[in-house]
Amino acid sequence: MARTVTLSAAAVLALGGGAGWLVGSSALDAGTGTVVLAAGIAVTVWLVVMGSREAAARPMEHWRSRRLLRLAVIGLVVIVAGSAGLGFTPYGELAVPLGFGVVGALLLPASSLLGDRTYLVLGALLMLLAALGAFLALNSVGQLYPRGLVGLGAGVLLWAASAYRSGLVVQLSGARYR
């Protein structure tokens, strides 16, 4: 019997945040990067578990899932082709800001497709972060700004969106501290 795996939007955002954190931690020194990466893996796993609790609560229509898949494939093709193209130029350090800028740009049509405005804010913030990282990359030497700042910043933004989507923000704001 075949089983289908269903991921909630919060789990997908948490995995995206983990990927961003992985990219960002690779720009750090070996010792610091390992500790930062380990902390990021722990946060990602925790958010995926918390976000997967209500994965099958509301299944998506087939036409919406096809359009989302089409957006994901277009984004993947643009990121791979753009990164490969940038690798042949002296602007190869712009590959990471390009990738997260494309993800942010694709969240804008995904927002109307999913009927959730929070993806508009997330997409705009990711594009702003990518533009800042590209600007700093062109005015500095090394991978700290284009890979570190953009990767870690995108990871935090995607994790925050995951926490919001899974209801953790509401739970934490309603908690009473003594």
C-alpha atoms as a PDB file:
ATOM      1  CA  MET A   1       0.000   0.000   0.000  1.00  0.00           C
ATOM      2  CA  ALA A   2       1.439   3.380  -1.018  1.00  0.00           C
ATOM      3  CA  ARG A   3       1.429   6.207   1.467  1.00  0.00           C
ATOM      4  CA  THR A   4       1.665   9.866   0.633  1.00  0.00           C
ATOM      5  CA  VAL A   5       3.767  12.181   2.711  1.00  0.00           C
ATOM      6  CA  THR A   6       2.113  15.464   3.582  1.00  0.00           C
ATOM      7  CA  LEU A   7       4.103  18.402   4.875  1.00  0.00           C
ATOM      8  CA  SER A   8       2.500  21.441   6.361  1.00  0.00           C
ATOM      9  CA  ALA A   9       3.456  24.922   5.254  1.00  0.00           C
ATOM     10  CA  ALA A  10       5.167  25.458   8.616  1.00  0.00           C
ATOM     11  CA  ALA A  11       7.346  22.377   8.106  1.00  0.00           C
ATOM     12  CA  VAL A  12       8.328  23.486   4.595  1.00  0.00           C
ATOM     13  CA  LEU A  13       9.234  26.950   5.898  1.00  0.00           C
ATOM     14  CA  ALA A  14      11.280  25.373   8.709  1.00  0.00           C
ATOM     15  CA  LEU A  15      13.182  23.219   6.202  1.00  0.00           C
ATOM     16  CA  GLY A  16      13.814  26.304   4.065  1.00  0.00           C
ATOM     17  CA  GLY A  17      15.112  28.101   7.148  1.00  0.00           C
ATOM     18  CA  GLY A  18      17.407  25.168   7.856  1.00  0.00           C
ATOM     19  CA  ALA A  19      18.756  25.329   4.301  1.00  0.00           C
ATOM     20  CA  GLY A  20      19.390  29.055   4.670  1.00  0.00           C
ATOM     21  CA  TRP A  21      21.099  28.489   8.008  1.00  0.00           C
ATOM     22  CA  LEU A  22      23.290  25.802   6.430  1.00  0.00           C
ATOM     23  CA  VAL A  23      24.381  28.191   3.679  1.00  0.00           C
ATOM     24  CA  GLY A  24      25.021  30.972   6.170  1.00  0.00           C
ATOM     25  CA  SER A  25      27.003  28.846   8.595  1.00  0.00           C
ATOM     26  CA  SER A  26      29.300  27.688   5.789  1.00  0.00           C
ATOM     27  CA  ALA A  27      30.693  31.230   5.587  1.00  0.00           C
ATOM     28  CA  LEU A  28      31.901  31.124   9.202  1.00  0.00           C
ATOM     29  CA  ASP A  29      35.141  29.666  10.557  1.00  0.00           C
ATOM     30  CA  ALA A  30      35.265  25.900  11.056  1.00  0.00           C
ATOM     31  CA  GLY A  31      34.751  25.842  14.851  1.00  0.00           C
ATOM     32  CA  THR A  32      32.174  28.611  15.021  1.00  0.00           C
ATOM     33  CA  GLY A  33      30.406  27.408  11.902  1.00  0.00           C
ATOM     34  CA  THR A  34      30.011  23.907  13.318  1.00  0.00           C
ATOM     35  CA  VAL A  35      28.433  25.162  16.540  1.00  0.00           C
ATOM     36  CA  VAL A  36      26.151  27.543  14.664  1.00  0.00           C
ATOM     37  CA  LEU A  37      25.161  24.761  12.258  1.00  0.00           C
ATOM     38  CA  ALA A  38      24.392  22.359  15.123  1.00  0.00           C
ATOM     39  CA  ALA A  39      22.152  24.936  16.774  1.00  0.00           C
ATOM     40  CA  GLY A  40      20.423  25.525  13.442  1.00  0.00           C
ATOM     41  CA  ILE A  41      19.797  21.827  12.917  1.00  0.00           C
ATOM     42  CA  ALA A  42      18.234  21.600  16.373  1.00  0.00           C
ATOM     43  CA  VAL A  43      15.929  24.566  15.696  1.00  0.00           C
ATOM     44  CA  THR A  44      14.970  23.178  12.291  1.00  0.00           C
ATOM     45  CA  VAL A  45      14.091  19.744  13.634  1.00  0.00           C
ATOM     46  CA  TRP A  46      12.083  21.267  16.487  1.00  0.00           C
ATOM     47  CA  LEU A  47      10.138  23.537  14.119  1.00  0.00           C
ATOM     48  CA  VAL A  48       9.479  20.704  11.651  1.00  0.00           C
ATOM     49  CA  VAL A  49       8.111  18.524  14.454  1.00  0.00           C
ATOM     50  CA  MET A  50       5.981  21.347  15.838  1.00  0.00           C
ATOM     51  CA  GLY A  51       4.792  22.356  12.359  1.00  0.00           C
ATOM     52  CA  SER A  52       3.946  18.812  11.269  1.00  0.00           C
ATOM     53  CA  ARG A  53       1.306  18.298  13.919  1.00  0.00           C
ATOM     54  CA  GLU A  54      -1.479  19.546  11.678  1.00  0.00           C
ATOM     55  CA  ALA A  55      -0.113  18.506   8.275  1.00  0.00           C
ATOM     56  CA  ALA A  56      -3.266  16.814   7.019  1.00  0.00           C
ATOM     57  CA  ALA A  57      -5.714  19.241   8.588  1.00  0.00           C
ATOM     58  CA  ARG A  58      -6.711  20.829   5.286  1.00  0.00           C
ATOM     59  CA  PRO A  59      -5.616  19.218   2.016  1.00  0.00           C
ATOM     60  CA  MET A  60      -4.860  21.507  -0.911  1.00  0.00           C
ATOM     61  CA  GLU A  61      -6.758  21.364  -4.191  1.00  0.00           C
ATOM     62  CA  HIS A  62      -4.924  19.714  -7.078  1.00  0.00           C
ATOM     63  CA  TRP A  63      -4.857  22.835  -9.263  1.00  0.00           C
ATOM     64  CA  ARG A  64      -3.213  24.828  -6.474  1.00  0.00           C
ATOM     65  CA  SER A  65      -0.611  22.160  -5.825  1.00  0.00           C
ATOM     66  CA  ARG A  66       0.176  21.985  -9.567  1.00  0.00           C
ATOM     67  CA  ARG A  67       0.679  25.745  -9.728  1.00  0.00           C
ATOM     68  CA  LEU A  68       2.857  25.698  -6.619  1.00  0.00           C
ATOM     69  CA  LEU A  69       4.925  22.898  -8.118  1.00  0.00           C
ATOM     70  CA  ARG A  70       5.268  24.899 -11.332  1.00  0.00           C
ATOM     71  CA  LEU A  71       6.478  27.925  -9.331  1.00  0.00           C
ATOM     72  CA  ALA A  72       8.989  25.743  -7.482  1.00  0.00           C
ATOM     73  CA  VAL A  73      10.355  24.273 -10.722  1.00  0.00           C
ATOM     74  CA  ILE A  74      10.652  27.714 -12.314  1.00  0.00           C
ATOM     75  CA  GLY A  75      12.450  28.993  -9.234  1.00  0.00           C
ATOM     76  CA  LEU A  76      14.841  26.058  -9.193  1.00  0.00           C
ATOM     77  CA  VAL A  77      15.679  26.508 -12.881  1.00  0.00           C
ATOM     78  CA  VAL A  78      16.276  30.255 -12.449  1.00  0.00           C
ATOM     79  CA  ILE A  79      18.459  29.737  -9.362  1.00  0.00           C
ATOM     80  CA  VAL A  80      20.570  26.985 -10.961  1.00  0.00           C
ATOM     81  CA  ALA A  81      20.955  28.800 -14.294  1.00  0.00           C
ATOM     82  CA  GLY A  82      21.640  32.144 -12.625  1.00  0.00           C
ATOM     83  CA  SER A  83      24.191  30.691 -10.228  1.00  0.00           C
ATOM     84  CA  ALA A  84      25.936  28.844 -13.046  1.00  0.00           C
ATOM     85  CA  GLY A  85      25.951  31.987 -15.157  1.00  0.00           C
ATOM     86  CA  LEU A  86      27.340  34.062 -12.298  1.00  0.00           C
ATOM     87  CA  GLY A  87      30.068  31.462 -11.812  1.00  0.00           C
ATOM     88  CA  PHE A  88      31.498  32.385 -15.197  1.00  0.00           C
ATOM     89  CA  THR A  89      31.707  36.074 -14.289  1.00  0.00           C
ATOM     90  CA  PRO A  90      33.632  37.951 -11.606  1.00  0.00           C
ATOM     91  CA  TYR A  91      30.318  38.329  -9.724  1.00  0.00           C
ATOM     92  CA  GLY A  92      30.044  34.745  -8.503  1.00  0.00           C
ATOM     93  CA  GLU A  93      29.538  35.901  -4.909  1.00  0.00           C
ATOM     94  CA  LEU A  94      26.071  37.110  -5.882  1.00  0.00           C
ATOM     95  CA  ALA A  95      24.753  33.548  -6.285  1.00  0.00           C
ATOM     96  CA  VAL A  96      23.399  33.255  -2.731  1.00  0.00           C
ATOM     97  CA  PRO A  97      21.644  36.657  -2.763  1.00  0.00           C
ATOM     98  CA  LEU A  98      20.230  35.746  -6.176  1.00  0.00           C
ATOM     99  CA  GLY A  99      18.851  32.473  -4.829  1.00  0.00           C
ATOM    100  CA  PHE A 100      17.097  33.985  -1.853  1.00  0.00           C
ATOM    101  CA  GLY A 101      15.907  36.927  -3.966  1.00  0.00           C
ATOM    102  CA  VAL A 102      14.253  34.469  -6.363  1.00  0.00           C
ATOM    103  CA  VAL A 103      12.660  32.618  -3.440  1.00  0.00           C
ATOM    104  CA  GLY A 104      11.325  35.927  -2.127  1.00  0.00           C
ATOM    105  CA  ALA A 105      10.013  36.905  -5.560  1.00  0.00           C
ATOM    106  CA  LEU A 106       8.232  33.559  -5.953  1.00  0.00           C
ATOM    107  CA  LEU A 107       6.558  33.927  -2.574  1.00  0.00           C
ATOM    108  CA  LEU A 108       4.615  36.906  -3.947  1.00  0.00           C
ATOM    109  CA  PRO A 109       2.508  34.921  -6.460  1.00  0.00           C
ATOM    110  CA  ALA A 110       2.392  32.014  -4.007  1.00  0.00           C
ATOM    111  CA  SER A 111       0.760  34.377  -1.525  1.00  0.00           C
ATOM    112  CA  SER A 112      -2.227  35.009  -3.768  1.00  0.00           C
ATOM    113  CA  LEU A 113      -2.343  31.336  -4.741  1.00  0.00           C
ATOM    114  CA  LEU A 114      -2.483  30.237  -1.101  1.00  0.00           C
ATOM    115  CA  GLY A 115      -4.655  33.137   0.037  1.00  0.00           C
ATOM    116  CA  ASP A 116      -2.290  34.186   2.828  1.00  0.00           C
ATOM    117  CA  ARG A 117      -0.795  37.673   2.995  1.00  0.00           C
ATOM    118  CA  THR A 118       1.979  36.700   5.364  1.00  0.00           C
ATOM    119  CA  TYR A 119       3.864  35.271   2.397  1.00  0.00           C
ATOM    120  CA  LEU A 120       3.853  38.764   0.859  1.00  0.00           C
ATOM    121  CA  VAL A 121       5.698  40.129   3.858  1.00  0.00           C
ATOM    122  CA  LEU A 122       8.098  37.194   3.945  1.00  0.00           C
ATOM    123  CA  GLY A 123       8.822  37.503   0.218  1.00  0.00           C
ATOM    124  CA  ALA A 124       9.424  41.240   0.477  1.00  0.00           C
ATOM    125  CA  LEU A 125      11.763  40.785   3.445  1.00  0.00           C
ATOM    126  CA  LEU A 126      13.717  38.044   1.647  1.00  0.00           C
ATOM    127  CA  MET A 127      14.114  40.240  -1.440  1.00  0.00           C
ATOM    128  CA  LEU A 128      15.230  43.166   0.724  1.00  0.00           C
ATOM    129  CA  LEU A 129      17.750  40.943   2.516  1.00  0.00           C
ATOM    130  CA  ALA A 130      19.049  39.640  -0.824  1.00  0.00           C
ATOM    131  CA  ALA A 131      19.449  43.167  -2.164  1.00  0.00           C
ATOM    132  CA  LEU A 132      21.320  44.228   0.981  1.00  0.00           C
ATOM    133  CA  GLY A 133      23.566  41.166   0.757  1.00  0.00           C
ATOM    134  CA  ALA A 134      24.296  41.843  -2.920  1.00  0.00           C
ATOM    135  CA  PHE A 135      25.122  45.467  -2.189  1.00  0.00           C
ATOM    136  CA  LEU A 136      27.450  44.511   0.650  1.00  0.00           C
ATOM    137  CA  ALA A 137      29.026  41.733  -1.448  1.00  0.00           C
ATOM    138  CA  LEU A 138      29.961  44.167  -4.167  1.00  0.00           C
ATOM    139  CA  ASN A 139      31.519  46.543  -1.646  1.00  0.00           C
ATOM    140  CA  SER A 140      33.499  44.009   0.416  1.00  0.00           C
ATOM    141  CA  VAL A 141      35.838  41.062   0.143  1.00  0.00           C
ATOM    142  CA  GLY A 142      35.031  37.536   1.321  1.00  0.00           C
ATOM    143  CA  GLN A 143      31.935  35.398   1.771  1.00  0.00           C
ATOM    144  CA  LEU A 144      30.710  36.742   5.112  1.00  0.00           C
ATOM    145  CA  TYR A 145      28.197  39.201   3.687  1.00  0.00           C
ATOM    146  CA  PRO A 146      26.850  37.446   0.598  1.00  0.00           C
ATOM    147  CA  ARG A 147      26.729  33.970   2.104  1.00  0.00           C
ATOM    148  CA  GLY A 148      26.807  34.492   5.874  1.00  0.00           C
ATOM    149  CA  LEU A 149      24.517  37.476   6.315  1.00  0.00           C
ATOM    150  CA  VAL A 150      22.023  36.475   3.645  1.00  0.00           C
ATOM    151  CA  GLY A 151      21.954  32.778   4.582  1.00  0.00           C
ATOM    152  CA  LEU A 152      21.632  33.280   8.333  1.00  0.00           C
ATOM    153  CA  GLY A 153      19.191  36.159   7.902  1.00  0.00           C
ATOM    154  CA  ALA A 154      17.005  34.165   5.512  1.00  0.00           C
ATOM    155  CA  GLY A 155      17.118  31.224   7.908  1.00  0.00           C
ATOM    156  CA  VAL A 156      15.851  33.377  10.758  1.00  0.00           C
ATOM    157  CA  LEU A 157      13.109  34.907   8.593  1.00  0.00           C
ATOM    158  CA  LEU A 158      11.912  31.521   7.376  1.00  0.00           C
ATOM    159  CA  TRP A 159      12.020  30.076  10.889  1.00  0.00           C
ATOM    160  CA  ALA A 160       9.985  33.020  12.193  1.00  0.00           C
ATOM    161  CA  ALA A 161       7.405  32.444   9.463  1.00  0.00           C
ATOM    162  CA  SER A 162       7.341  28.742  10.360  1.00  0.00           C
ATOM    163  CA  ALA A 163       6.780  29.544  14.027  1.00  0.00           C
ATOM    164  CA  TYR A 164       3.972  31.907  13.053  1.00  0.00           C
ATOM    165  CA  ARG A 165       2.328  29.371  10.723  1.00  0.00           C
ATOM    166  CA  SER A 166       2.503  26.564  13.302  1.00  0.00           C
ATOM    167  CA  GLY A 167       0.928  28.722  16.009  1.00  0.00           C
ATOM    168  CA  LEU A 168       3.988  28.870  18.253  1.00  0.00           C
ATOM    169  CA  VAL A 169       3.965  32.669  18.299  1.00  0.00           C
ATOM    170  CA  VAL A 170       0.396  32.706  19.587  1.00  0.00           C
ATOM    171  CA  GLN A 171       1.222  30.070  22.211  1.00  0.00           C
ATOM    172  CA  LEU A 172       4.252  32.002  23.412  1.00  0.00           C
ATOM    173  CA  SER A 173       2.437  35.319  23.511  1.00  0.00           C
ATOM    174  CA  GLY A 174      -0.417  33.798  25.521  1.00  0.00           C
ATOM    175  CA  ALA A 175       1.877  32.189  28.067  1.00  0.00           C
ATOM    176  CA  ARG A 176       1.922  33.704  31.525  1.00  0.00           C
ATOM    177  CA  TYR A 177       5.226  34.119  33.295  1.00  0.00           C
ATOM    178  CA  ARG A 178       5.457  34.333  37.053  1.00  0.00           C
END
